[in-house]
Protein backbone atom coordinates (compact mmCIF):
# COMPACT_ATOMS: atom_id res chain seq x y z
CA MET A 1 -33.61 -85.81 10.75
CA THR A 2 -36.70 -86.05 12.92
CA TYR A 3 -37.41 -84.31 16.18
CA PRO A 4 -40.55 -84.29 18.34
CA PRO A 5 -42.78 -81.30 17.54
CA SER A 6 -42.31 -78.40 19.91
CA SER A 7 -45.15 -77.54 22.26
CA ILE A 8 -44.96 -73.87 21.33
CA HIS A 9 -46.24 -74.22 17.79
CA LYS A 10 -49.82 -74.10 16.59
CA PRO A 11 -51.28 -76.00 13.61
CA TYR A 12 -50.13 -74.64 10.28
CA LEU A 13 -52.46 -72.75 7.93
CA PRO A 14 -52.44 -73.90 4.29
CA GLY A 15 -50.59 -71.47 2.05
CA MET A 16 -49.12 -69.49 4.95
CA PRO A 17 -45.55 -69.51 6.28
CA GLN A 18 -45.29 -72.55 8.53
CA ASP A 19 -43.65 -70.74 11.40
CA GLY A 20 -46.36 -71.56 13.94
CA LEU A 21 -45.72 -68.22 15.58
CA GLY A 22 -48.29 -66.23 13.71
CA GLY A 23 -46.00 -64.40 11.31
CA ASP A 24 -46.68 -60.69 11.75
CA LEU A 25 -48.92 -61.54 14.74
CA ALA A 26 -46.22 -63.17 16.85
CA VAL A 27 -47.10 -64.99 20.04
CA PRO A 28 -46.25 -62.80 23.07
CA LEU A 29 -42.98 -63.56 24.81
CA GLU A 30 -44.70 -64.43 28.09
CA VAL A 31 -46.93 -66.98 26.34
CA LEU A 32 -43.96 -68.62 24.63
CA ALA A 33 -42.11 -68.75 27.94
CA ARG A 34 -45.01 -70.55 29.63
CA ARG A 35 -45.28 -73.08 26.81
CA LEU A 36 -41.57 -73.81 26.98
CA GLY A 37 -41.42 -73.84 30.78
CA ARG A 38 -38.79 -71.09 30.79
CA ALA A 39 -38.45 -67.61 32.25
CA PRO A 40 -39.30 -64.89 29.69
CA ASP A 41 -35.88 -63.27 30.04
CA SER A 42 -34.18 -66.57 29.21
CA LEU A 43 -35.66 -66.74 25.69
CA ILE A 44 -33.86 -65.36 22.66
CA ARG A 45 -36.33 -64.14 20.05
CA LEU A 46 -34.92 -64.14 16.55
CA ASP A 47 -38.24 -64.49 14.75
CA GLY A 48 -39.70 -60.99 14.58
CA ASP A 49 -39.05 -57.30 14.04
CA ASP A 50 -37.84 -56.40 17.53
CA ASN A 51 -34.75 -54.27 18.13
CA PRO A 52 -32.71 -56.39 20.58
CA TYR A 53 -31.31 -53.22 22.18
CA GLY A 54 -34.78 -51.89 22.98
CA PRO A 55 -35.77 -48.22 22.83
CA SER A 56 -33.50 -45.28 23.50
CA LEU A 57 -33.00 -44.30 27.13
CA ARG A 58 -34.31 -40.89 26.12
CA VAL A 59 -37.62 -42.54 25.18
CA LEU A 60 -37.89 -44.04 28.65
CA GLU A 61 -37.05 -40.70 30.27
CA VAL A 62 -39.61 -38.79 28.20
CA LEU A 63 -42.41 -41.30 28.81
CA GLY A 64 -41.53 -41.55 32.49
CA SER A 65 -41.84 -37.79 32.97
CA ALA A 66 -44.76 -37.12 30.61
CA ASP A 67 -47.78 -35.54 32.28
CA SER A 68 -50.06 -35.58 29.21
CA LEU A 69 -50.54 -39.29 28.52
CA HIS A 70 -54.17 -39.06 29.61
CA ARG A 71 -54.92 -36.87 26.58
CA PRO A 72 -55.33 -38.17 23.00
CA GLY A 73 -52.54 -37.60 20.53
CA ASP A 74 -52.59 -34.93 17.84
CA PRO A 75 -54.40 -36.53 14.85
CA GLU A 76 -52.03 -34.73 12.47
CA ALA A 77 -48.91 -35.32 14.61
CA ARG A 78 -47.65 -31.81 13.92
CA ASP A 79 -44.75 -31.87 16.38
CA LEU A 80 -43.55 -35.27 15.19
CA ARG A 81 -43.77 -34.26 11.53
CA ALA A 82 -41.59 -31.25 12.29
CA LEU A 83 -38.97 -33.56 13.79
CA LEU A 84 -39.26 -36.00 10.90
CA GLU A 85 -38.69 -33.32 8.27
CA PRO A 86 -34.86 -33.18 8.60
CA TYR A 87 -34.55 -36.90 9.35
CA ALA A 88 -36.58 -38.05 6.35
CA CYS A 89 -35.24 -35.25 4.11
CA CYS A 90 -38.83 -34.48 3.15
CA ALA A 91 -41.03 -31.45 3.80
CA ARG A 92 -43.42 -31.89 6.72
CA ASP A 93 -46.47 -31.19 4.55
CA ARG A 94 -45.56 -34.33 2.59
CA ILE A 95 -45.48 -36.47 5.77
CA THR A 96 -48.38 -38.44 7.26
CA VAL A 97 -47.79 -40.14 10.62
CA GLY A 98 -49.60 -43.40 11.28
CA ALA A 99 -50.06 -45.98 14.05
CA GLY A 100 -47.79 -48.64 12.55
CA PRO A 101 -47.39 -50.06 9.02
CA ALA A 102 -50.73 -51.88 8.97
CA GLU A 103 -52.65 -48.73 9.92
CA SER A 104 -50.72 -46.57 7.44
CA LEU A 105 -51.31 -49.10 4.67
CA GLU A 106 -55.01 -49.40 5.43
CA ARG A 107 -55.44 -45.63 5.53
CA LEU A 108 -53.66 -45.26 2.19
CA LEU A 109 -55.77 -47.94 0.56
CA ARG A 110 -59.02 -46.46 1.88
CA VAL A 111 -58.11 -43.04 0.50
CA LEU A 112 -56.55 -44.15 -2.76
CA VAL A 113 -58.53 -47.16 -4.05
CA ARG A 114 -62.07 -48.49 -4.04
CA PRO A 115 -63.29 -51.99 -3.10
CA GLY A 116 -62.68 -54.44 -5.92
CA ALA A 117 -59.69 -52.52 -7.28
CA VAL A 118 -56.55 -54.44 -8.26
CA VAL A 119 -53.43 -54.21 -6.11
CA VAL A 120 -50.17 -55.77 -7.32
CA LEU A 121 -47.94 -57.40 -4.67
CA PRO A 122 -44.89 -59.66 -4.66
CA ALA A 123 -45.80 -63.33 -4.41
CA LEU A 124 -43.02 -63.72 -1.86
CA THR A 125 -43.36 -61.17 0.92
CA ARG A 126 -44.82 -60.72 4.40
CA PRO A 127 -48.57 -61.34 4.66
CA LEU A 128 -49.38 -57.81 5.86
CA TYR A 129 -50.18 -56.40 2.42
CA ALA A 130 -52.49 -59.19 1.28
CA THR A 131 -54.23 -59.31 4.66
CA VAL A 132 -55.06 -55.61 4.66
CA ALA A 133 -56.07 -55.68 0.99
CA ALA A 134 -58.40 -58.63 1.57
CA ARG A 135 -59.99 -56.89 4.57
CA LEU A 136 -60.83 -53.94 2.31
CA GLY A 137 -62.28 -56.11 -0.46
CA LEU A 138 -59.46 -55.49 -2.94
CA THR A 139 -58.31 -57.87 -5.67
CA VAL A 140 -54.72 -59.00 -5.17
CA VAL A 141 -52.52 -59.91 -8.15
CA THR A 142 -49.08 -61.28 -7.31
CA VAL A 143 -45.72 -61.27 -9.10
CA PRO A 144 -43.38 -64.28 -8.64
CA PRO A 145 -39.77 -63.47 -7.74
CA THR A 146 -36.79 -63.93 -10.01
CA ARG A 147 -34.55 -66.97 -9.73
CA GLY A 148 -32.46 -65.03 -7.23
CA LEU A 149 -35.59 -64.29 -5.15
CA GLU A 150 -35.47 -60.61 -6.12
CA LEU A 151 -38.56 -58.58 -7.03
CA ASP A 152 -39.27 -58.91 -10.75
CA ILE A 153 -40.00 -55.42 -12.06
CA ASP A 154 -40.60 -56.76 -15.57
CA GLY A 155 -43.20 -59.04 -13.99
CA TYR A 156 -44.82 -56.02 -12.33
CA LEU A 157 -45.01 -54.24 -15.68
CA ARG A 158 -46.64 -57.28 -17.28
CA ARG A 159 -49.29 -57.33 -14.55
CA ILE A 160 -49.91 -53.62 -15.10
CA ALA A 161 -50.37 -54.27 -18.82
CA ASP A 162 -52.81 -57.12 -18.16
CA HIS A 163 -54.94 -55.61 -15.35
CA PRO A 164 -56.56 -52.26 -14.41
CA VAL A 165 -54.14 -51.78 -11.52
CA ALA A 166 -54.90 -49.18 -8.84
CA LEU A 167 -51.77 -49.56 -6.69
CA VAL A 168 -48.40 -51.31 -6.84
CA VAL A 169 -46.61 -52.34 -3.62
CA VAL A 170 -42.83 -52.72 -3.67
CA PRO A 171 -41.15 -53.71 -0.36
CA SER A 172 -37.51 -52.61 -0.28
CA PRO A 173 -35.94 -54.35 1.58
CA ASN A 174 -38.40 -57.16 1.09
CA ASP A 175 -39.25 -59.48 3.96
CA PRO A 176 -38.19 -62.32 4.14
CA THR A 177 -35.65 -62.13 1.29
CA GLY A 178 -33.86 -58.94 2.41
CA THR A 179 -33.51 -57.76 -1.20
CA THR A 180 -33.86 -54.13 -2.27
CA VAL A 181 -34.94 -52.55 -5.55
CA ALA A 182 -32.79 -49.99 -7.33
CA PRO A 183 -34.34 -46.50 -7.71
CA THR A 184 -33.97 -46.80 -11.49
CA GLU A 185 -36.28 -49.83 -11.41
CA ILE A 186 -38.81 -47.94 -9.28
CA VAL A 187 -38.76 -45.16 -11.88
CA ARG A 188 -39.85 -47.69 -14.52
CA LEU A 189 -42.96 -48.37 -12.45
CA LEU A 190 -43.58 -44.70 -11.70
CA ARG A 191 -43.61 -43.85 -15.39
CA THR A 192 -46.79 -45.92 -15.76
CA ASP A 193 -48.53 -43.16 -13.70
CA ILE A 194 -49.99 -45.83 -11.39
CA PRO A 195 -49.52 -45.11 -7.65
CA VAL A 196 -46.48 -46.99 -6.33
CA LEU A 197 -46.02 -47.68 -2.61
CA VAL A 198 -42.41 -48.45 -1.69
CA ASP A 199 -42.23 -49.98 1.77
CA GLU A 200 -38.94 -48.89 3.34
CA SER A 201 -39.75 -50.14 6.84
CA ASP A 202 -36.19 -51.50 7.06
CA TYR A 203 -34.63 -48.44 5.40
CA GLU A 204 -32.12 -47.85 8.20
CA PHE A 205 -30.55 -51.26 7.61
CA ALA A 206 -30.31 -50.87 3.84
CA ALA A 207 -28.01 -48.92 1.56
CA ARG A 208 -30.57 -47.21 -0.69
CA THR A 209 -33.79 -45.20 -0.62
CA VAL A 210 -36.20 -43.70 -3.16
CA VAL A 211 -37.23 -40.72 -1.00
CA PRO A 212 -35.51 -38.18 -3.32
CA LEU A 213 -37.99 -39.27 -6.01
CA VAL A 214 -41.00 -38.20 -3.93
CA THR A 215 -40.66 -34.59 -5.11
CA GLU A 216 -40.26 -35.74 -8.70
CA PHE A 217 -43.15 -38.19 -8.99
CA ASP A 218 -46.59 -37.43 -7.56
CA ASN A 219 -47.54 -41.13 -7.77
CA LEU A 220 -44.77 -42.29 -5.39
CA ILE A 221 -45.57 -43.05 -1.73
CA VAL A 222 -42.90 -44.25 0.71
CA LEU A 223 -43.75 -46.11 3.94
CA ARG A 224 -41.37 -46.24 6.90
CA ASP A 225 -41.57 -47.64 10.43
CA PHE A 226 -39.97 -47.05 13.85
CA ALA A 227 -40.07 -50.67 15.08
CA ALA A 228 -36.86 -52.38 14.00
CA TRP A 229 -34.42 -49.49 14.13
CA ALA A 230 -35.81 -47.44 17.04
CA GLY A 231 -37.14 -50.26 19.21
CA LEU A 232 -40.72 -48.96 19.25
CA GLY A 233 -42.53 -52.14 18.24
CA GLY A 234 -44.68 -51.85 21.37
CA LEU A 235 -45.65 -48.25 20.53
CA PRO A 236 -46.48 -48.49 16.81
CA VAL A 237 -45.43 -45.44 14.80
CA SER A 238 -45.02 -45.23 11.04
CA TYR A 239 -45.07 -42.51 8.42
CA LEU A 240 -45.88 -42.05 4.75
CA LEU A 241 -44.04 -39.66 2.41
CA SER A 242 -46.04 -38.54 -0.61
CA ALA A 243 -47.22 -35.69 -2.80
CA ARG A 244 -48.71 -32.79 -0.83
CA PRO A 245 -52.36 -33.22 -1.97
CA LEU A 246 -52.36 -36.92 -1.07
CA ALA A 247 -50.64 -36.24 2.26
CA ALA A 248 -53.33 -33.71 3.14
CA GLN A 249 -56.02 -36.30 2.35
CA LEU A 250 -54.29 -38.94 4.42
CA ARG A 251 -53.91 -36.65 7.43
CA GLN A 252 -57.55 -35.65 7.19
CA ALA A 253 -58.54 -39.33 7.18
CA ALA A 254 -57.12 -39.67 10.70
CA VAL A 255 -59.15 -36.80 12.11
CA PHE A 256 -62.38 -38.77 11.97
CA GLY A 257 -61.05 -41.78 13.86
CA GLY A 258 -62.48 -45.22 13.16
CA VAL A 259 -60.06 -47.79 11.80
CA THR A 260 -57.72 -45.03 10.65
CA THR A 261 -56.18 -43.09 13.49
CA ALA A 262 -53.10 -41.21 14.56
CA PRO A 263 -50.65 -42.85 16.97
CA ALA A 264 -51.42 -42.44 20.66
CA ARG A 265 -49.77 -39.56 22.46
CA ALA A 266 -47.29 -41.95 24.09
CA ALA A 267 -46.23 -43.28 20.68
CA GLN A 268 -45.80 -39.77 19.29
CA LEU A 269 -43.72 -38.71 22.29
CA ALA A 270 -41.62 -41.88 22.02
CA ALA A 271 -40.93 -41.35 18.32
CA GLY A 272 -39.97 -37.73 18.94
CA ALA A 273 -37.62 -38.78 21.73
CA ALA A 274 -36.04 -41.40 19.45
CA LEU A 275 -35.39 -38.76 16.80
CA GLY A 276 -33.73 -36.69 19.51
CA ASP A 277 -31.29 -39.50 20.25
CA LEU A 278 -30.20 -40.33 16.72
CA ASP A 279 -26.49 -40.73 17.48
CA ALA A 280 -27.17 -43.58 19.91
CA LEU A 281 -29.79 -45.28 17.73
CA GLN A 282 -27.80 -44.98 14.53
CA GLY A 283 -24.84 -46.45 16.40
CA GLN A 284 -27.03 -49.43 17.32
CA VAL A 285 -28.08 -49.81 13.68
CA ARG A 286 -24.45 -49.84 12.57
CA THR A 287 -23.71 -52.48 15.21
CA LEU A 288 -26.66 -54.60 14.04
CA ARG A 289 -25.52 -54.32 10.43
CA GLN A 290 -22.08 -55.53 11.47
CA GLU A 291 -23.66 -58.37 13.45
CA ARG A 292 -25.74 -59.26 10.39
CA GLY A 293 -22.48 -59.75 8.51
CA ARG A 294 -21.00 -61.86 11.31
CA LEU A 295 -24.14 -64.00 11.54
CA PHE A 296 -24.06 -64.51 7.76
CA ARG A 297 -20.42 -65.65 7.85
CA GLN A 298 -20.99 -67.94 10.84
CA LEU A 299 -24.03 -69.63 9.29
CA ARG A 300 -22.26 -70.08 6.00
CA LYS A 301 -19.59 -72.17 7.74
CA LEU A 302 -22.18 -74.78 8.72
CA ASN A 303 -23.07 -77.63 6.42
CA LEU A 304 -26.66 -77.10 7.51
CA VAL A 305 -28.06 -73.86 6.09
CA GLN A 306 -27.16 -71.48 3.28
CA PRO A 307 -27.86 -67.82 4.19
CA THR A 308 -28.82 -65.25 1.56
CA PRO A 309 -27.22 -61.78 1.62
CA SER A 310 -29.70 -59.34 3.14
CA GLU A 311 -30.21 -55.60 3.53
CA GLY A 312 -32.86 -56.12 6.21
CA HIS A 313 -32.50 -56.84 9.91
CA PHE A 314 -32.83 -60.59 9.23
CA LEU A 315 -31.39 -63.39 7.09
CA LEU A 316 -33.24 -65.87 4.92
CA CYS A 317 -31.55 -69.27 5.05
CA THR A 318 -32.08 -72.26 2.81
CA VAL A 319 -31.92 -75.45 4.87
CA THR A 320 -29.52 -77.78 3.06
CA ARG A 321 -29.67 -80.70 5.53
CA GLY A 322 -32.80 -81.76 7.39
CA GLN A 323 -36.06 -79.87 7.78
CA ALA A 324 -36.52 -76.24 8.79
CA ALA A 325 -39.38 -77.07 11.16
CA ALA A 326 -37.24 -79.64 12.99
CA ILE A 327 -34.39 -77.17 13.40
CA ARG A 328 -36.83 -74.54 14.67
CA ASP A 329 -38.31 -76.95 17.20
CA PHE A 330 -34.93 -78.12 18.46
CA LEU A 331 -33.69 -74.57 18.99
CA ALA A 332 -36.88 -73.59 20.82
CA ASP A 333 -37.09 -76.61 23.12
CA GLN A 334 -33.41 -77.21 23.80
CA ALA A 335 -31.90 -73.72 23.67
CA GLY A 336 -34.83 -71.30 24.16
CA ILE A 337 -34.05 -69.69 20.79
CA ILE A 338 -37.04 -68.76 18.64
CA VAL A 339 -36.54 -68.61 14.86
CA ARG A 340 -39.07 -68.76 12.06
CA ALA A 341 -39.46 -71.77 9.77
CA LEU A 342 -41.02 -71.26 6.32
CA ALA A 343 -42.55 -73.93 4.14
CA THR A 344 -44.35 -72.55 1.10
CA PRO A 345 -44.12 -73.39 -2.62
CA LEU A 346 -41.61 -70.56 -3.09
CA LEU A 347 -39.73 -71.24 0.15
CA PRO A 348 -40.16 -74.97 0.74
CA ASN A 349 -37.52 -75.44 3.44
CA HIS A 350 -36.20 -72.18 4.85
CA LEU A 351 -35.46 -70.33 8.09
CA ARG A 352 -35.85 -66.61 8.69
CA ILE A 353 -33.49 -65.49 11.45
CA SER A 354 -33.51 -61.96 12.83
CA VAL A 355 -30.23 -60.31 13.77
CA GLY A 356 -29.74 -60.10 17.53
CA LEU A 357 -26.97 -59.23 19.95
CA PRO A 358 -23.52 -60.82 19.59
CA GLY A 359 -24.40 -63.20 22.44
CA HIS A 360 -27.53 -64.22 20.57
CA THR A 361 -25.47 -65.15 17.52
CA ASP A 362 -23.11 -67.18 19.71
CA ALA A 363 -26.00 -69.01 21.39
CA LEU A 364 -27.62 -69.74 18.02
CA MET A 365 -24.42 -71.20 16.63
CA GLN A 366 -23.94 -73.33 19.74
CA GLY A 367 -27.50 -74.61 19.41
CA LEU A 368 -27.04 -75.49 15.75
CA LEU A 369 -23.76 -77.27 16.45
CA ARG A 370 -25.41 -79.20 19.29
CA LEU A 371 -28.21 -80.20 16.91
CA ALA A 372 -25.71 -81.49 14.36
CA GLU A 373 -23.92 -83.52 17.05
CA GLN A 374 -27.04 -85.03 18.66
CA HIS A 375 -28.99 -85.62 15.44
CA PRO A 376 -26.59 -86.39 12.58
CA LEU A 377 -28.18 -85.41 9.30
């Protein structure tokens, strides 16, 4: 199947996911709309980490009535840490609030490792980790996935045996595969005494967590985010759970500003408001998990893509007929649906599709069926 290249996509970068939308640095909705000649509210974005339901109404009420947004936020986010304590099931003096996953990761690396140190990452994961590590002058060593695209803990242990490793990063769920790692496997890494960062940014959509191990292992750090589950992608808020001494160091690192900083006051207020509306947000998460299952079943019916079971807010799909980039371009130009196409050695012909509203799933399926009818494969 061939299809004229879409006008929304930029030239591909060698070795990077060929999604043309910038990966973690997605093109703004308004820019995409102009390129496609459509109204912004007519596009369906299924390529990123957005919560399709948006933030809680309580967040909008709190921000709309706040009279302190002209003041900087608390560098140690004391009020937010107090609210996070029961939610995260972790003492507040073990919590460090950050301005999104990238900022939290960079702060951790600056405190924990020195330039030139070795960091072990999955070979198949989002580019955030390698990008931040490279910016700090760290040496990245990668671990290929298993045949089932799961993280290979034995491979991690081999890298640890072969290199003077300063930090191990384990995304769970991993993006874009949606796979998680069992706590027993994380324990195998922790017993090496090397610091282990488990990224649980999609924790709310998954069925497991390693947070109970934080009080048992001083070398475990857990990263979480408010974007996908709480709809706060536009007000970046994240948090790290760790041993008390490390948490104190990390909080102190934000006091001095620079590239490491606490979230703005608006972001802290928004996160606090979200935690005050958990029933509504957790209901949305349950709905999205159900929609993830429906999307999986619908896609599996097509003789076009083969979805992989996922514990994230997205599905990774192997394209079985045609080319992922052509499918992406058709959906964007003809249906206003934005998905991500991947073309790397490990994922040579794949789509990553975020879970949206039920109507988004219906529109996606209609677009794929129309593609099959107009362009027989």
